[in-house]
Amino acid sequence: MGLRPRWIPTAAIGSIWSGTCGQSGHWPLDQPFTARSLHALLAERIGRLDVASAHLAIEGFIAQPEPLAIWSQDYFQQLVQHMVAT
């Protein structure tokens, strides 16, 4: 499936730091933050994502919510796979 999002919804990503970084949100100084680290954090968070709740949380803020129909955990995991560090 070709993915061509116009934007990546932050409501769907949520707080990717919650498990690894603890309440402060700071990345541990003894661990390098790499593209692989980011991908792992995103994959873990997306795995816990309640897509229906994320959809409901933002559909009232956009004029045409129909494109949100493609949202799923698989969709967001595919987006992460297409991310490239620059």
C-alpha atoms as a PDB file:
ATOM      1  CA  MET A   1       0.000   0.000   0.000  1.00  0.00           C
ATOM      2  CA  GLY A   2       1.412   3.401  -0.914  1.00  0.00           C
ATOM      3  CA  LEU A   3       1.201   5.819   1.978  1.00  0.00           C
ATOM      4  CA  ARG A   4       1.146   9.515   1.230  1.00  0.00           C
ATOM      5  CA  PRO A   5      -0.010  11.347   4.328  1.00  0.00           C
ATOM      6  CA  ARG A   6      -0.351  15.090   4.188  1.00  0.00           C
ATOM      7  CA  TRP A   7       0.464  15.294   7.877  1.00  0.00           C
ATOM      8  CA  ILE A   8       1.248  13.023  10.789  1.00  0.00           C
ATOM      9  CA  PRO A   9      -1.376  13.495  13.502  1.00  0.00           C
ATOM     10  CA  THR A  10       0.143  14.195  16.882  1.00  0.00           C
ATOM     11  CA  ALA A  11      -3.079  13.051  18.532  1.00  0.00           C
ATOM     12  CA  ALA A  12      -2.388   9.596  17.174  1.00  0.00           C
ATOM     13  CA  ILE A  13       1.227   9.555  18.271  1.00  0.00           C
ATOM     14  CA  GLY A  14       0.465  10.697  21.805  1.00  0.00           C
ATOM     15  CA  SER A  15       3.174  10.674  24.428  1.00  0.00           C
ATOM     16  CA  ILE A  16       5.847   8.376  23.014  1.00  0.00           C
ATOM     17  CA  TRP A  17       8.054   9.047  26.004  1.00  0.00           C
ATOM     18  CA  SER A  18       5.724   7.623  28.632  1.00  0.00           C
ATOM     19  CA  GLY A  19       7.386   4.232  29.092  1.00  0.00           C
ATOM     20  CA  THR A  20      11.093   4.801  28.443  1.00  0.00           C
ATOM     21  CA  CYS A  21      11.556   8.306  29.737  1.00  0.00           C
ATOM     22  CA  GLY A  22       9.339   8.255  32.770  1.00  0.00           C
ATOM     23  CA  GLN A  23       7.239  11.110  33.985  1.00  0.00           C
ATOM     24  CA  SER A  24       9.835  13.835  33.340  1.00  0.00           C
ATOM     25  CA  GLY A  25       9.850  13.160  29.597  1.00  0.00           C
ATOM     26  CA  HIS A  26      13.639  13.359  29.425  1.00  0.00           C
ATOM     27  CA  TRP A  27      15.622  10.829  27.429  1.00  0.00           C
ATOM     28  CA  PRO A  28      18.172   9.019  29.643  1.00  0.00           C
ATOM     29  CA  LEU A  29      21.612  10.646  29.233  1.00  0.00           C
ATOM     30  CA  ASP A  30      23.382   7.284  29.123  1.00  0.00           C
ATOM     31  CA  GLN A  31      21.433   6.164  26.034  1.00  0.00           C
ATOM     32  CA  PRO A  32      22.057   7.588  22.564  1.00  0.00           C
ATOM     33  CA  PHE A  33      18.906   8.814  20.867  1.00  0.00           C
ATOM     34  CA  THR A  34      18.964   7.419  17.356  1.00  0.00           C
ATOM     35  CA  ALA A  35      16.540   6.907  14.486  1.00  0.00           C
ATOM     36  CA  ARG A  36      16.244   3.306  15.677  1.00  0.00           C
ATOM     37  CA  SER A  37      15.346   4.541  19.183  1.00  0.00           C
ATOM     38  CA  LEU A  38      12.672   6.824  17.760  1.00  0.00           C
ATOM     39  CA  HIS A  39      11.236   4.052  15.589  1.00  0.00           C
ATOM     40  CA  ALA A  40      11.124   1.698  18.577  1.00  0.00           C
ATOM     41  CA  LEU A  41       9.365   4.298  20.753  1.00  0.00           C
ATOM     42  CA  LEU A  42       6.843   5.070  18.046  1.00  0.00           C
ATOM     43  CA  ALA A  43       6.174   1.387  17.327  1.00  0.00           C
ATOM     44  CA  GLU A  44       5.614   0.707  21.029  1.00  0.00           C
ATOM     45  CA  ARG A  45       3.274   3.670  21.440  1.00  0.00           C
ATOM     46  CA  ILE A  46       1.338   2.922  18.271  1.00  0.00           C
ATOM     47  CA  GLY A  47       0.884  -0.636  19.542  1.00  0.00           C
ATOM     48  CA  ARG A  48      -1.003   0.819  22.521  1.00  0.00           C
ATOM     49  CA  LEU A  49      -2.965   3.325  20.447  1.00  0.00           C
ATOM     50  CA  ASP A  50      -6.743   3.373  20.695  1.00  0.00           C
ATOM     51  CA  VAL A  51      -7.360   4.458  17.115  1.00  0.00           C
ATOM     52  CA  ALA A  52     -11.095   4.969  17.580  1.00  0.00           C
ATOM     53  CA  SER A  53     -10.494   7.365  20.491  1.00  0.00           C
ATOM     54  CA  ALA A  54      -7.818   9.274  18.565  1.00  0.00           C
ATOM     55  CA  HIS A  55     -10.200   9.564  15.632  1.00  0.00           C
ATOM     56  CA  LEU A  56     -13.010  10.881  17.807  1.00  0.00           C
ATOM     57  CA  ALA A  57     -10.670  13.311  19.569  1.00  0.00           C
ATOM     58  CA  ILE A  58      -9.839  15.215  16.396  1.00  0.00           C
ATOM     59  CA  GLU A  59     -12.637  14.662  13.881  1.00  0.00           C
ATOM     60  CA  GLY A  60     -14.515  17.697  15.187  1.00  0.00           C
ATOM     61  CA  PHE A  61     -11.537  19.918  14.397  1.00  0.00           C
ATOM     62  CA  ILE A  62     -11.286  19.126  10.695  1.00  0.00           C
ATOM     63  CA  ALA A  63     -13.679  20.036   7.918  1.00  0.00           C
ATOM     64  CA  GLN A  64     -13.545  16.720   6.061  1.00  0.00           C
ATOM     65  CA  PRO A  65     -12.922  13.762   8.395  1.00  0.00           C
ATOM     66  CA  GLU A  66     -13.286  11.124   5.646  1.00  0.00           C
ATOM     67  CA  PRO A  67      -9.495  10.710   5.161  1.00  0.00           C
ATOM     68  CA  LEU A  68      -9.280   9.538   8.780  1.00  0.00           C
ATOM     69  CA  ALA A  69     -10.990   6.318   7.722  1.00  0.00           C
ATOM     70  CA  ILE A  70      -7.592   4.842   6.806  1.00  0.00           C
ATOM     71  CA  TRP A  71      -6.311   5.234  10.361  1.00  0.00           C
ATOM     72  CA  SER A  72      -5.336   1.975  12.028  1.00  0.00           C
ATOM     73  CA  GLN A  73      -2.404   0.714  14.063  1.00  0.00           C
ATOM     74  CA  ASP A  74      -1.071  -0.913  10.905  1.00  0.00           C
ATOM     75  CA  TYR A  75      -1.319   2.376   8.982  1.00  0.00           C
ATOM     76  CA  PHE A  76       0.695   4.237  11.618  1.00  0.00           C
ATOM     77  CA  GLN A  77       3.251   1.423  11.872  1.00  0.00           C
ATOM     78  CA  GLN A  78       3.725   1.701   8.095  1.00  0.00           C
ATOM     79  CA  LEU A  79       4.252   5.458   8.416  1.00  0.00           C
ATOM     80  CA  VAL A  80       7.002   4.829  10.970  1.00  0.00           C
ATOM     81  CA  GLN A  81       8.686   2.374   8.590  1.00  0.00           C
ATOM     82  CA  HIS A  82       8.780   5.098   5.911  1.00  0.00           C
ATOM     83  CA  MET A  83      10.377   7.683   8.201  1.00  0.00           C
ATOM     84  CA  VAL A  84      13.975   8.496   7.336  1.00  0.00           C
ATOM     85  CA  ALA A  85      16.395  10.317   9.625  1.00  0.00           C
ATOM     86  CA  THR A  86      18.137  13.281   8.015  1.00  0.00           C
END
